Each structure stands twice: as structure tokens, then as C-alpha cells.
Amino acid sequence: MNGGISKDMVIVDPGIGFGKIFDDNLKIIKKFKKFRPLQRLLLLGTSRKDFIGHILGKEAHERDGETMATIVAGVMNGAYIGRVYNVKKTVETVKIIDAIMR
């Protein structure tokens, strides 16, 4: 323990969209597995982010399907937690990914 917080309680979130340029967000998702050596739960928060709109020219409320593409990439590279708006769609997507990866 350090500072009263057990290491098991620490989650790593690379902060997609926070102070990053467009390409930075894509690089983080592409290389997400590089966070694995930290041996912590990895969180990917890409839901409806601006970089998705930048690629497709869609408004935030139209980006749920595209968010699922980022969730797939994240889960396949070690993400354990997804911060999303559409929980139902994300759960269904992750169930499919999990079945494929098993």
C-alpha cells in the first residue's frame, strides 16, 4: 500500500481526448497493449469522443456504433473497463469480443 490505497484499487486511464491532438488518440488506442506491463486494470474512455466525429463528420449523439469499434480495439489490446454512454450496446459488443477471443 502507498498513501493508504492498495495497488489493486488503481485503474490506468490514458485519458483519451484530454489534452491530446487527433493523432495522439488513435496512437493510444492502437498501442493500448503497451499499458499491460503496469499490471493494473486498464480503462478506455472513447465514448462519442471528438476524434470519432473528426474522422466521420458525425455529431456526438450519432457516434455509438463507431464508439463500439474503439471498444473492440481496446478490449482486444487489454482494456478491462470501458467508460461509455451506451452501456447496453457496449455489453453486447464485449460479449461478442469475449466469445471470439475465447
N, C-alpha and C. Protein backbone atom coordinates (compact mmCIF):
# COMPACT_ATOMS: atom_id res chain seq x y z
N MET A 1 0.82 -1.19 0.00
CA MET A 1 0.00 0.00 0.00
C MET A 1 0.87 1.25 0.00
N ASN A 2 0.36 2.26 -0.69
CA ASN A 2 1.06 3.53 -0.74
C ASN A 2 0.03 4.63 -0.54
N GLY A 3 0.20 5.43 0.48
CA GLY A 3 -0.75 6.51 0.73
C GLY A 3 -2.12 6.01 1.12
N GLY A 4 -2.20 4.78 1.61
CA GLY A 4 -3.48 4.22 2.04
C GLY A 4 -4.30 3.60 0.93
N ILE A 5 -3.79 3.58 -0.28
CA ILE A 5 -4.53 3.00 -1.40
C ILE A 5 -3.79 1.76 -1.90
N SER A 6 -4.49 0.64 -1.89
CA SER A 6 -3.91 -0.60 -2.37
C SER A 6 -3.70 -0.52 -3.88
N LYS A 7 -2.61 -1.12 -4.36
CA LYS A 7 -2.33 -1.11 -5.81
C LYS A 7 -3.47 -1.77 -6.59
N ASP A 8 -4.16 -2.70 -5.96
CA ASP A 8 -5.28 -3.38 -6.62
C ASP A 8 -6.45 -2.43 -6.90
N MET A 9 -6.45 -1.28 -6.26
CA MET A 9 -7.53 -0.31 -6.43
C MET A 9 -7.20 0.76 -7.47
N VAL A 10 -6.04 0.65 -8.10
CA VAL A 10 -5.60 1.65 -9.08
C VAL A 10 -6.00 1.21 -10.48
N ILE A 11 -6.62 2.09 -11.21
CA ILE A 11 -7.02 1.86 -12.60
C ILE A 11 -6.24 2.82 -13.48
N VAL A 12 -5.72 2.34 -14.59
CA VAL A 12 -4.97 3.18 -15.51
C VAL A 12 -5.91 3.64 -16.63
N ASP A 13 -6.00 4.94 -16.79
CA ASP A 13 -6.81 5.56 -17.84
C ASP A 13 -5.91 6.54 -18.60
N PRO A 14 -5.57 6.23 -19.85
CA PRO A 14 -4.68 7.13 -20.60
C PRO A 14 -5.32 8.46 -20.98
N GLY A 15 -6.58 8.64 -20.68
CA GLY A 15 -7.22 9.95 -20.88
C GLY A 15 -7.44 10.32 -22.33
N ILE A 16 -8.08 9.45 -23.08
CA ILE A 16 -8.39 9.74 -24.48
C ILE A 16 -9.12 11.08 -24.55
N GLY A 17 -8.63 11.96 -25.41
CA GLY A 17 -9.29 13.23 -25.64
C GLY A 17 -8.86 14.37 -24.74
N PHE A 18 -8.21 14.08 -23.64
CA PHE A 18 -7.85 15.12 -22.69
C PHE A 18 -6.45 15.65 -23.00
N GLY A 19 -6.39 16.84 -23.60
CA GLY A 19 -5.12 17.48 -23.91
C GLY A 19 -4.32 16.78 -25.00
N LYS A 20 -5.01 16.05 -25.85
CA LYS A 20 -4.32 15.32 -26.91
C LYS A 20 -4.80 15.80 -28.27
N ILE A 21 -3.90 15.72 -29.24
CA ILE A 21 -4.31 16.03 -30.60
C ILE A 21 -4.92 14.77 -31.21
N PHE A 22 -5.57 14.96 -32.33
CA PHE A 22 -6.28 13.88 -33.01
C PHE A 22 -5.46 12.60 -33.13
N ASP A 23 -4.25 12.70 -33.67
CA ASP A 23 -3.41 11.52 -33.88
C ASP A 23 -3.01 10.83 -32.58
N ASP A 24 -2.85 11.61 -31.51
CA ASP A 24 -2.48 11.01 -30.23
C ASP A 24 -3.52 10.00 -29.77
N ASN A 25 -4.78 10.33 -29.93
CA ASN A 25 -5.86 9.44 -29.51
C ASN A 25 -5.81 8.12 -30.27
N LEU A 26 -5.58 8.20 -31.56
CA LEU A 26 -5.51 6.98 -32.38
C LEU A 26 -4.29 6.14 -31.99
N LYS A 27 -3.17 6.78 -31.73
CA LYS A 27 -1.96 6.06 -31.34
C LYS A 27 -2.15 5.33 -30.02
N ILE A 28 -2.80 5.99 -29.06
CA ILE A 28 -3.04 5.36 -27.77
C ILE A 28 -3.89 4.11 -27.94
N ILE A 29 -4.94 4.19 -28.73
CA ILE A 29 -5.80 3.01 -28.94
C ILE A 29 -5.03 1.92 -29.67
N LYS A 30 -4.29 2.30 -30.69
CA LYS A 30 -3.52 1.33 -31.47
C LYS A 30 -2.49 0.61 -30.61
N LYS A 31 -1.88 1.33 -29.68
CA LYS A 31 -0.81 0.74 -28.86
C LYS A 31 -1.24 0.52 -27.41
N PHE A 32 -2.52 0.34 -27.21
CA PHE A 32 -3.07 0.21 -25.87
C PHE A 32 -2.42 -0.92 -25.07
N LYS A 33 -2.04 -1.98 -25.76
CA LYS A 33 -1.44 -3.12 -25.06
C LYS A 33 -0.12 -2.77 -24.37
N LYS A 34 0.48 -1.66 -24.74
CA LYS A 34 1.73 -1.24 -24.09
C LYS A 34 1.51 -0.87 -22.62
N PHE A 35 0.26 -0.66 -22.22
CA PHE A 35 -0.05 -0.39 -20.82
C PHE A 35 -0.12 -1.67 -19.98
N ARG A 36 -0.19 -2.83 -20.61
CA ARG A 36 -0.32 -4.10 -19.90
C ARG A 36 0.76 -4.34 -18.85
N PRO A 37 2.03 -4.01 -19.12
CA PRO A 37 3.06 -4.27 -18.12
C PRO A 37 2.84 -3.56 -16.78
N LEU A 38 1.97 -2.56 -16.75
CA LEU A 38 1.66 -1.88 -15.49
C LEU A 38 0.90 -2.79 -14.53
N GLN A 39 0.34 -3.86 -15.06
CA GLN A 39 -0.40 -4.85 -14.28
C GLN A 39 -1.51 -4.21 -13.44
N ARG A 40 -2.25 -3.34 -14.07
CA ARG A 40 -3.40 -2.69 -13.45
C ARG A 40 -4.58 -2.81 -14.41
N LEU A 41 -5.78 -2.65 -13.87
CA LEU A 41 -6.94 -2.63 -14.75
C LEU A 41 -6.81 -1.43 -15.68
N LEU A 42 -7.11 -1.65 -16.96
CA LEU A 42 -6.98 -0.59 -17.96
C LEU A 42 -8.36 -0.11 -18.38
N LEU A 43 -8.55 1.19 -18.37
CA LEU A 43 -9.82 1.80 -18.73
C LEU A 43 -9.66 2.53 -20.06
N LEU A 44 -10.65 2.35 -20.92
CA LEU A 44 -10.67 3.07 -22.20
C LEU A 44 -11.95 3.89 -22.25
N GLY A 45 -11.82 5.19 -22.30
CA GLY A 45 -12.97 6.08 -22.34
C GLY A 45 -13.05 6.82 -23.67
N THR A 46 -13.62 6.16 -24.66
CA THR A 46 -13.68 6.75 -26.00
C THR A 46 -15.09 7.15 -26.43
N SER A 47 -16.06 6.93 -25.59
CA SER A 47 -17.45 7.09 -25.97
C SER A 47 -17.76 8.46 -26.57
N ARG A 48 -18.17 8.44 -27.83
CA ARG A 48 -18.63 9.62 -28.57
C ARG A 48 -17.60 10.74 -28.64
N LYS A 49 -16.33 10.42 -28.49
CA LYS A 49 -15.28 11.44 -28.45
C LYS A 49 -15.16 12.20 -29.77
N ASP A 50 -14.60 13.40 -29.67
CA ASP A 50 -14.44 14.28 -30.83
C ASP A 50 -13.62 13.66 -31.95
N PHE A 51 -12.61 12.84 -31.60
CA PHE A 51 -11.78 12.28 -32.67
C PHE A 51 -12.61 11.37 -33.58
N ILE A 52 -13.65 10.75 -33.04
CA ILE A 52 -14.55 9.93 -33.87
C ILE A 52 -15.32 10.84 -34.83
N GLY A 53 -15.82 11.94 -34.31
CA GLY A 53 -16.53 12.91 -35.15
C GLY A 53 -15.61 13.50 -36.21
N HIS A 54 -14.35 13.70 -35.86
CA HIS A 54 -13.37 14.24 -36.80
C HIS A 54 -13.20 13.29 -37.99
N ILE A 55 -13.17 12.01 -37.71
CA ILE A 55 -12.99 11.02 -38.78
C ILE A 55 -14.22 10.94 -39.67
N LEU A 56 -15.41 10.93 -39.07
CA LEU A 56 -16.64 10.66 -39.82
C LEU A 56 -17.55 11.86 -40.03
N GLY A 57 -17.25 12.97 -39.39
CA GLY A 57 -18.11 14.15 -39.54
C GLY A 57 -19.48 13.96 -38.93
N LYS A 58 -19.55 13.21 -37.83
CA LYS A 58 -20.83 12.97 -37.16
C LYS A 58 -20.90 13.72 -35.85
N GLU A 59 -22.13 14.06 -35.46
CA GLU A 59 -22.37 14.69 -34.16
C GLU A 59 -22.23 13.65 -33.05
N ALA A 60 -21.99 14.11 -31.84
CA ALA A 60 -21.73 13.21 -30.70
C ALA A 60 -22.82 12.15 -30.54
N HIS A 61 -24.10 12.53 -30.60
CA HIS A 61 -25.18 11.58 -30.38
C HIS A 61 -25.28 10.52 -31.48
N GLU A 62 -24.54 10.67 -32.56
CA GLU A 62 -24.56 9.72 -33.67
C GLU A 62 -23.37 8.76 -33.65
N ARG A 63 -22.56 8.76 -32.60
CA ARG A 63 -21.28 8.06 -32.62
C ARG A 63 -21.24 6.75 -31.82
N ASP A 64 -22.38 6.20 -31.43
CA ASP A 64 -22.35 4.98 -30.61
C ASP A 64 -21.77 3.78 -31.34
N GLY A 65 -22.15 3.58 -32.59
CA GLY A 65 -21.62 2.45 -33.35
C GLY A 65 -20.11 2.56 -33.53
N GLU A 66 -19.67 3.76 -33.81
CA GLU A 66 -18.24 3.99 -34.01
C GLU A 66 -17.48 3.86 -32.69
N THR A 67 -18.12 4.24 -31.60
CA THR A 67 -17.52 4.02 -30.27
C THR A 67 -17.26 2.54 -30.06
N MET A 68 -18.19 1.68 -30.52
CA MET A 68 -18.02 0.24 -30.35
C MET A 68 -16.76 -0.26 -31.07
N ALA A 69 -16.43 0.35 -32.19
CA ALA A 69 -15.19 -0.03 -32.89
C ALA A 69 -13.98 0.24 -32.02
N THR A 70 -13.99 1.37 -31.31
CA THR A 70 -12.86 1.68 -30.44
C THR A 70 -12.84 0.76 -29.23
N ILE A 71 -14.01 0.37 -28.75
CA ILE A 71 -14.09 -0.56 -27.61
C ILE A 71 -13.53 -1.92 -28.02
N VAL A 72 -13.87 -2.37 -29.23
CA VAL A 72 -13.33 -3.65 -29.73
C VAL A 72 -11.80 -3.59 -29.76
N ALA A 73 -11.27 -2.53 -30.34
CA ALA A 73 -9.81 -2.39 -30.40
C ALA A 73 -9.21 -2.38 -29.01
N GLY A 74 -9.84 -1.68 -28.09
CA GLY A 74 -9.33 -1.60 -26.73
C GLY A 74 -9.36 -2.94 -26.01
N VAL A 75 -10.48 -3.62 -26.06
CA VAL A 75 -10.61 -4.92 -25.38
C VAL A 75 -9.63 -5.92 -25.95
N MET A 76 -9.47 -5.92 -27.25
CA MET A 76 -8.53 -6.86 -27.86
C MET A 76 -7.09 -6.54 -27.49
N ASN A 77 -6.85 -5.35 -26.98
CA ASN A 77 -5.50 -4.95 -26.57
C ASN A 77 -5.36 -4.76 -25.06
N GLY A 78 -6.32 -5.29 -24.29
CA GLY A 78 -6.15 -5.31 -22.85
C GLY A 78 -7.05 -4.43 -22.02
N ALA A 79 -7.92 -3.64 -22.63
CA ALA A 79 -8.83 -2.81 -21.84
C ALA A 79 -9.78 -3.72 -21.07
N TYR A 80 -10.01 -3.37 -19.83
CA TYR A 80 -10.88 -4.16 -18.96
C TYR A 80 -12.14 -3.38 -18.61
N ILE A 81 -12.05 -2.07 -18.68
CA ILE A 81 -13.17 -1.20 -18.33
C ILE A 81 -13.38 -0.22 -19.47
N GLY A 82 -14.63 -0.02 -19.84
CA GLY A 82 -14.96 0.98 -20.85
C GLY A 82 -15.87 2.03 -20.24
N ARG A 83 -15.54 3.28 -20.42
CA ARG A 83 -16.41 4.36 -19.96
C ARG A 83 -17.22 4.80 -21.17
N VAL A 84 -18.51 4.49 -21.12
CA VAL A 84 -19.37 4.68 -22.29
C VAL A 84 -20.72 5.27 -21.90
N TYR A 85 -21.41 5.79 -22.91
CA TYR A 85 -22.77 6.27 -22.72
C TYR A 85 -23.78 5.16 -22.96
N ASN A 86 -23.55 4.34 -23.97
CA ASN A 86 -24.50 3.29 -24.33
C ASN A 86 -24.03 1.96 -23.72
N VAL A 87 -24.42 1.74 -22.48
CA VAL A 87 -23.96 0.57 -21.74
C VAL A 87 -24.47 -0.72 -22.38
N LYS A 88 -25.73 -0.77 -22.75
CA LYS A 88 -26.32 -1.99 -23.32
C LYS A 88 -25.57 -2.42 -24.59
N LYS A 89 -25.36 -1.49 -25.50
CA LYS A 89 -24.66 -1.81 -26.74
C LYS A 89 -23.22 -2.25 -26.46
N THR A 90 -22.59 -1.62 -25.49
CA THR A 90 -21.21 -1.97 -25.14
C THR A 90 -21.13 -3.37 -24.55
N VAL A 91 -22.04 -3.71 -23.66
CA VAL A 91 -22.07 -5.05 -23.07
C VAL A 91 -22.25 -6.10 -24.15
N GLU A 92 -23.16 -5.87 -25.06
CA GLU A 92 -23.38 -6.82 -26.16
C GLU A 92 -22.13 -6.95 -27.03
N THR A 93 -21.50 -5.83 -27.33
CA THR A 93 -20.28 -5.84 -28.14
C THR A 93 -19.17 -6.62 -27.45
N VAL A 94 -18.98 -6.36 -26.17
CA VAL A 94 -17.91 -7.03 -25.43
C VAL A 94 -18.19 -8.52 -25.29
N LYS A 95 -19.45 -8.92 -25.17
CA LYS A 95 -19.77 -10.35 -25.13
C LYS A 95 -19.35 -11.05 -26.42
N ILE A 96 -19.53 -10.39 -27.54
CA ILE A 96 -19.12 -10.96 -28.82
C ILE A 96 -17.59 -11.03 -28.89
N ILE A 97 -16.91 -9.97 -28.49
CA ILE A 97 -15.44 -9.97 -28.49
C ILE A 97 -14.91 -11.09 -27.60
N ASP A 98 -15.51 -11.20 -26.42
CA ASP A 98 -15.07 -12.22 -25.47
C ASP A 98 -15.24 -13.62 -26.06
N ALA A 99 -16.37 -13.88 -26.72
CA ALA A 99 -16.60 -15.18 -27.35
C ALA A 99 -15.57 -15.46 -28.44
N ILE A 100 -15.26 -14.46 -29.23
CA ILE A 100 -14.27 -14.64 -30.30
C ILE A 100 -12.89 -14.91 -29.72
N MET A 101 -12.53 -14.18 -28.68
CA MET A 101 -11.19 -14.30 -28.11
C MET A 101 -11.00 -15.60 -27.30
N ARG A 102 -12.10 -16.15 -26.81
CA ARG A 102 -12.00 -17.42 -26.07
C ARG A 102 -11.68 -18.52 -27.04
